[in-house]
Amino acid sequence: MGPSMISSENGQLRVFVQCNVRGRDLGGFVEEAKKKIAEQVKMPPGYYIAWGGEYENLIRAGRTLKIVVPIVLFIIFILLFMVYRSVKDAAHVLLAVPFALTGGIFLQWMLGYNFSVAVWVGYIALFGTAVQTGVVMVIYLEEALRRRAAEHGGRLNSQQLMEAVIEGAALRLRPKVMTVSTVLASLVPLMLPIFSADRTGIEVMRPIAAPVIGGMISSLILILLVTPVIFYWLRERELKKAMDGASKN
């Protein structure tokens, strides 16, 4: 019950049809609804449909993220290149991003979170943390390599290179585990109903925390196992090239 009114926008009459989406992603629902309406509903001449509300904000945020995410990765790569002065080493450390991404996506799928702005914010935070831990691991490996080279007069063979890489990776084990444990200790309580069921804004914080938690766990495996292997492979190739050049001379 209420007064009669005529709604208009931009000089045109309008009618609202509202709904709430639960149990699935908003973007997928709207795309399916558009297809169904196009197939089953015939609009009279002069009528058209416009989708707004949260979907409109989602589309706008998606366009922004398509620009922001590549820029973030590009800036990370440039900073890594400035540190190492090598495209190979920068790309090596940047490999932490896809490995961290797999863990984040897996946990997001397990918890049933759809892609949203909050989830992408969590991934951007995860990218920075994963790359930072990768940088520290490479620093430990480089220090172990220089220390072992100094002990052998500046030259190393494959076996000595392997020993240096193992030494550097072992030294990084405790700091890496402590870093991951600290992140998990701060974010895991957000996912537990007993600690945060009724807190204001928890429905936004959980989608942000999920990619970070999953990504930190998967990046732990990368940093401790895969990064030293790739580091050894790159340095072994450099060592063979140096030995081949010396033998030719």
Protein backbone atom coordinates (compact mmCIF):
# COMPACT_ATOMS: atom_id res chain seq x y z
CA MET A 1 0.00 0.00 0.00
CA GLY A 2 1.27 3.47 -0.81
CA PRO A 3 0.92 6.39 -3.17
CA SER A 4 0.95 5.66 -6.89
CA MET A 5 4.04 6.87 -8.72
CA ILE A 6 5.63 6.79 -12.14
CA SER A 7 9.35 5.96 -12.14
CA SER A 8 11.52 7.46 -14.85
CA GLU A 9 15.20 7.81 -15.68
CA ASN A 10 16.74 10.01 -18.36
CA GLY A 11 13.28 10.94 -19.55
CA GLN A 12 12.21 7.31 -20.02
CA LEU A 13 9.78 5.21 -18.02
CA ARG A 14 11.35 2.36 -16.12
CA VAL A 15 10.30 -0.70 -14.11
CA PHE A 16 12.56 -2.49 -11.62
CA VAL A 17 12.75 -6.28 -11.37
CA GLN A 18 14.91 -7.16 -8.38
CA CYS A 19 16.40 -10.44 -7.19
CA ASN A 20 19.12 -11.73 -4.87
CA VAL A 21 21.62 -14.39 -5.98
CA ARG A 22 22.70 -17.08 -3.54
CA GLY A 23 24.78 -20.21 -3.93
CA ARG A 24 26.50 -19.19 -7.18
CA ASP A 25 28.49 -16.35 -8.70
CA LEU A 26 26.62 -13.21 -9.68
CA GLY A 27 28.29 -12.82 -13.08
CA GLY A 28 27.43 -16.36 -14.17
CA PHE A 29 23.83 -15.93 -13.07
CA VAL A 30 23.38 -12.71 -15.05
CA GLU A 31 24.96 -14.20 -18.18
CA GLU A 32 22.60 -17.20 -17.97
CA ALA A 33 19.63 -14.93 -17.29
CA LYS A 34 20.49 -12.78 -20.32
CA LYS A 35 20.55 -15.87 -22.53
CA LYS A 36 17.25 -17.21 -21.18
CA ILE A 37 15.50 -13.85 -21.55
CA ALA A 38 16.81 -13.41 -25.10
CA GLU A 39 15.43 -16.87 -25.99
CA GLN A 40 12.09 -16.76 -24.18
CA VAL A 41 11.04 -13.13 -23.76
CA LYS A 42 10.00 -10.95 -26.70
CA MET A 43 10.26 -7.26 -25.83
CA PRO A 44 7.67 -4.85 -27.30
CA PRO A 45 8.99 -2.08 -29.58
CA GLY A 46 10.76 0.63 -27.60
CA TYR A 47 11.49 -1.62 -24.61
CA TYR A 48 14.95 -2.76 -23.54
CA ILE A 49 16.61 -4.34 -20.53
CA ALA A 50 19.56 -2.94 -18.55
CA TRP A 51 21.33 -4.89 -15.78
CA GLY A 52 22.50 -2.87 -12.79
CA GLY A 53 23.05 -3.06 -9.07
CA GLU A 54 25.88 -5.26 -7.83
CA TYR A 55 26.35 -6.71 -11.30
CA GLU A 56 27.12 -3.26 -12.68
CA ASN A 57 29.70 -2.73 -9.93
CA LEU A 58 31.14 -6.19 -10.64
CA ILE A 59 31.62 -5.39 -14.32
CA ARG A 60 33.27 -2.07 -13.48
CA ALA A 61 35.58 -3.72 -10.95
CA GLY A 62 36.43 -6.47 -13.44
CA ARG A 63 37.53 -3.93 -16.01
CA THR A 64 39.72 -2.26 -13.40
CA LEU A 65 41.28 -5.56 -12.29
CA LYS A 66 42.12 -6.47 -15.90
CA ILE A 67 44.37 -3.43 -15.86
CA VAL A 68 45.59 -3.55 -12.25
CA VAL A 69 46.66 -7.23 -12.08
CA PRO A 70 48.95 -7.14 -15.16
CA ILE A 71 50.41 -3.84 -13.98
CA VAL A 72 51.14 -5.35 -10.55
CA LEU A 73 52.90 -8.35 -12.10
CA PHE A 74 54.84 -6.09 -14.47
CA ILE A 75 55.99 -3.83 -11.61
CA ILE A 76 57.07 -6.89 -9.61
CA PHE A 77 59.07 -8.16 -12.59
CA ILE A 78 60.74 -4.76 -13.12
CA LEU A 79 61.71 -4.55 -9.44
CA LEU A 80 63.14 -8.07 -9.57
CA PHE A 81 65.10 -7.20 -12.70
CA MET A 82 66.49 -4.11 -10.96
CA VAL A 83 67.63 -6.31 -8.06
CA TYR A 84 69.20 -9.17 -10.06
CA ARG A 85 70.08 -7.41 -13.35
CA SER A 86 69.01 -10.62 -15.07
CA VAL A 87 65.82 -11.55 -16.89
CA LYS A 88 66.33 -15.24 -16.05
CA ASP A 89 66.68 -14.63 -12.31
CA ALA A 90 63.72 -12.25 -12.30
CA ALA A 91 61.57 -14.81 -14.13
CA HIS A 92 62.85 -17.51 -11.78
CA VAL A 93 61.61 -15.65 -8.70
CA LEU A 94 58.37 -14.67 -10.45
CA LEU A 95 57.56 -18.39 -10.77
CA ALA A 96 56.42 -18.14 -7.16
CA VAL A 97 53.27 -16.42 -8.43
CA PRO A 98 51.70 -19.33 -10.40
CA PHE A 99 52.61 -21.84 -7.68
CA ALA A 100 51.00 -19.61 -5.06
CA LEU A 101 48.04 -19.14 -7.39
CA THR A 102 47.37 -22.89 -7.53
CA GLY A 103 47.08 -23.20 -3.76
CA GLY A 104 44.85 -20.14 -3.54
CA ILE A 105 42.50 -21.40 -6.25
CA PHE A 106 42.33 -24.87 -4.69
CA LEU A 107 41.36 -23.54 -1.25
CA GLN A 108 38.92 -21.07 -2.81
CA TRP A 109 37.26 -23.97 -4.64
CA MET A 110 37.13 -26.09 -1.47
CA LEU A 111 35.46 -23.28 0.50
CA GLY A 112 33.03 -22.51 -2.31
CA TYR A 113 34.00 -18.87 -2.85
CA ASN A 114 33.29 -17.40 -6.25
CA PHE A 115 35.62 -14.91 -7.91
CA SER A 116 34.90 -11.40 -6.67
CA VAL A 117 36.71 -8.15 -6.01
CA ALA A 118 37.54 -9.28 -2.47
CA VAL A 119 39.05 -12.54 -3.76
CA TRP A 120 41.22 -10.70 -6.29
CA VAL A 121 42.44 -8.35 -3.56
CA GLY A 122 43.58 -11.45 -1.67
CA TYR A 123 45.42 -12.74 -4.74
CA ILE A 124 47.23 -9.41 -5.22
CA ALA A 125 48.37 -9.52 -1.58
CA LEU A 126 49.43 -13.15 -2.08
CA PHE A 127 51.52 -12.31 -5.16
CA GLY A 128 53.61 -9.80 -3.22
CA THR A 129 54.18 -12.11 -0.26
CA ALA A 130 55.09 -15.08 -2.45
CA VAL A 131 57.59 -13.08 -4.49
CA GLN A 132 59.13 -11.62 -1.34
CA THR A 133 59.79 -15.07 0.13
CA GLY A 134 61.21 -16.19 -3.23
CA VAL A 135 63.61 -13.25 -3.21
CA VAL A 136 64.82 -14.15 0.27
CA MET A 137 65.38 -17.77 -0.76
CA VAL A 138 67.47 -16.72 -3.77
CA ILE A 139 69.48 -14.39 -1.51
CA TYR A 140 70.26 -17.30 0.82
CA LEU A 141 71.27 -19.46 -2.15
CA GLU A 142 73.51 -16.73 -3.59
CA GLU A 143 75.23 -16.21 -0.23
CA ALA A 144 75.85 -19.94 0.17
CA LEU A 145 77.20 -20.07 -3.39
CA ARG A 146 79.61 -17.18 -2.82
CA ARG A 147 80.75 -18.66 0.48
CA ARG A 148 81.42 -22.05 -1.07
CA ALA A 149 83.19 -20.45 -4.07
CA ALA A 150 85.46 -18.50 -1.71
CA GLU A 151 86.41 -21.74 0.03
CA HIS A 152 87.44 -23.32 -3.30
CA GLY A 153 89.32 -20.44 -4.82
CA GLY A 154 86.44 -18.94 -6.80
CA ARG A 155 85.67 -22.05 -8.88
CA LEU A 156 83.07 -24.73 -8.29
CA ASN A 157 82.22 -28.02 -9.94
CA SER A 158 78.74 -29.52 -10.19
CA GLN A 159 79.04 -31.41 -6.91
CA GLN A 160 80.21 -28.35 -5.00
CA LEU A 161 77.44 -26.31 -6.59
CA MET A 162 74.91 -28.88 -5.44
CA GLU A 163 76.27 -28.76 -1.89
CA ALA A 164 76.06 -24.96 -1.86
CA VAL A 165 72.43 -25.01 -3.03
CA ILE A 166 71.47 -27.60 -0.41
CA GLU A 167 73.19 -25.55 2.29
CA GLY A 168 71.40 -22.35 1.29
CA ALA A 169 68.00 -24.06 1.06
CA ALA A 170 68.46 -25.66 4.48
CA LEU A 171 69.32 -22.28 6.01
CA ARG A 172 66.12 -20.82 4.55
CA LEU A 173 63.91 -23.63 5.89
CA ARG A 174 63.29 -22.19 9.35
CA PRO A 175 62.64 -18.54 8.27
CA LYS A 176 60.24 -19.71 5.54
CA VAL A 177 58.29 -21.96 7.89
CA MET A 178 58.13 -19.13 10.44
CA THR A 179 56.83 -16.71 7.78
CA VAL A 180 54.10 -19.09 6.63
CA SER A 181 53.17 -19.96 10.23
CA THR A 182 52.80 -16.28 11.10
CA VAL A 183 50.54 -15.62 8.12
CA LEU A 184 48.42 -18.69 8.84
CA ALA A 185 48.14 -17.84 12.54
CA SER A 186 46.81 -14.40 11.69
CA LEU A 187 44.35 -15.44 8.97
CA VAL A 188 43.10 -18.93 9.86
CA PRO A 189 40.96 -17.63 12.80
CA LEU A 190 38.98 -15.60 10.25
CA MET A 191 37.87 -18.86 8.62
CA LEU A 192 36.73 -20.49 11.89
CA PRO A 193 33.11 -19.78 12.91
CA ILE A 194 33.95 -20.15 16.60
CA PHE A 195 36.17 -17.04 16.46
CA SER A 196 34.48 -14.78 13.92
CA ALA A 197 30.93 -15.94 13.22
CA ASP A 198 29.19 -12.69 14.19
CA ARG A 199 31.89 -10.11 13.48
CA THR A 200 31.01 -7.21 11.23
CA GLY A 201 32.57 -7.46 7.76
CA ILE A 202 33.63 -11.09 8.11
CA GLU A 203 31.82 -11.96 4.86
CA VAL A 204 34.31 -9.68 3.07
CA MET A 205 37.43 -10.68 5.01
CA ARG A 206 37.04 -14.42 4.43
CA PRO A 207 37.20 -14.23 0.61
CA ILE A 208 40.33 -12.09 0.97
CA ALA A 209 41.97 -14.49 3.42
CA ALA A 210 41.21 -17.72 1.52
CA PRO A 211 43.61 -17.15 -1.43
CA VAL A 212 46.36 -15.97 0.92
CA ILE A 213 46.10 -19.05 3.15
CA GLY A 214 46.04 -21.55 0.30
CA GLY A 215 48.71 -19.72 -1.67
CA MET A 216 51.13 -19.50 1.24
CA ILE A 217 50.92 -23.26 1.78
CA SER A 218 51.58 -24.07 -1.88
CA SER A 219 54.31 -21.43 -2.14
CA LEU A 220 56.02 -23.06 0.85
CA ILE A 221 56.49 -26.19 -1.26
CA LEU A 222 57.72 -24.12 -4.19
CA ILE A 223 60.21 -22.04 -2.23
CA LEU A 224 61.70 -24.99 -0.35
CA LEU A 225 61.81 -27.53 -3.19
CA VAL A 226 61.31 -26.08 -6.66
CA THR A 227 63.21 -22.79 -6.32
CA PRO A 228 66.52 -24.42 -5.27
CA VAL A 229 66.21 -26.94 -8.13
CA ILE A 230 65.70 -24.21 -10.73
CA PHE A 231 68.50 -22.15 -9.16
CA TYR A 232 70.86 -25.12 -9.41
CA TRP A 233 69.84 -25.75 -13.02
CA LEU A 234 70.48 -22.14 -14.05
CA ARG A 235 73.84 -21.96 -12.26
CA GLU A 236 74.92 -25.33 -13.64
CA ARG A 237 74.29 -24.11 -17.18
CA GLU A 238 76.35 -21.00 -16.47
CA LEU A 239 79.10 -23.18 -15.00
CA LYS A 240 79.18 -25.44 -18.09
CA LYS A 241 79.30 -22.46 -20.42
CA ALA A 242 82.21 -21.00 -18.44
CA MET A 243 84.06 -24.34 -18.50
CA ASP A 244 83.47 -24.74 -22.26
CA GLY A 245 84.76 -21.21 -22.88
CA ALA A 246 87.84 -21.84 -20.77
CA SER A 247 88.59 -25.11 -22.58
CA LYS A 248 88.33 -23.43 -25.99
CA ASN A 249 90.70 -20.69 -24.92
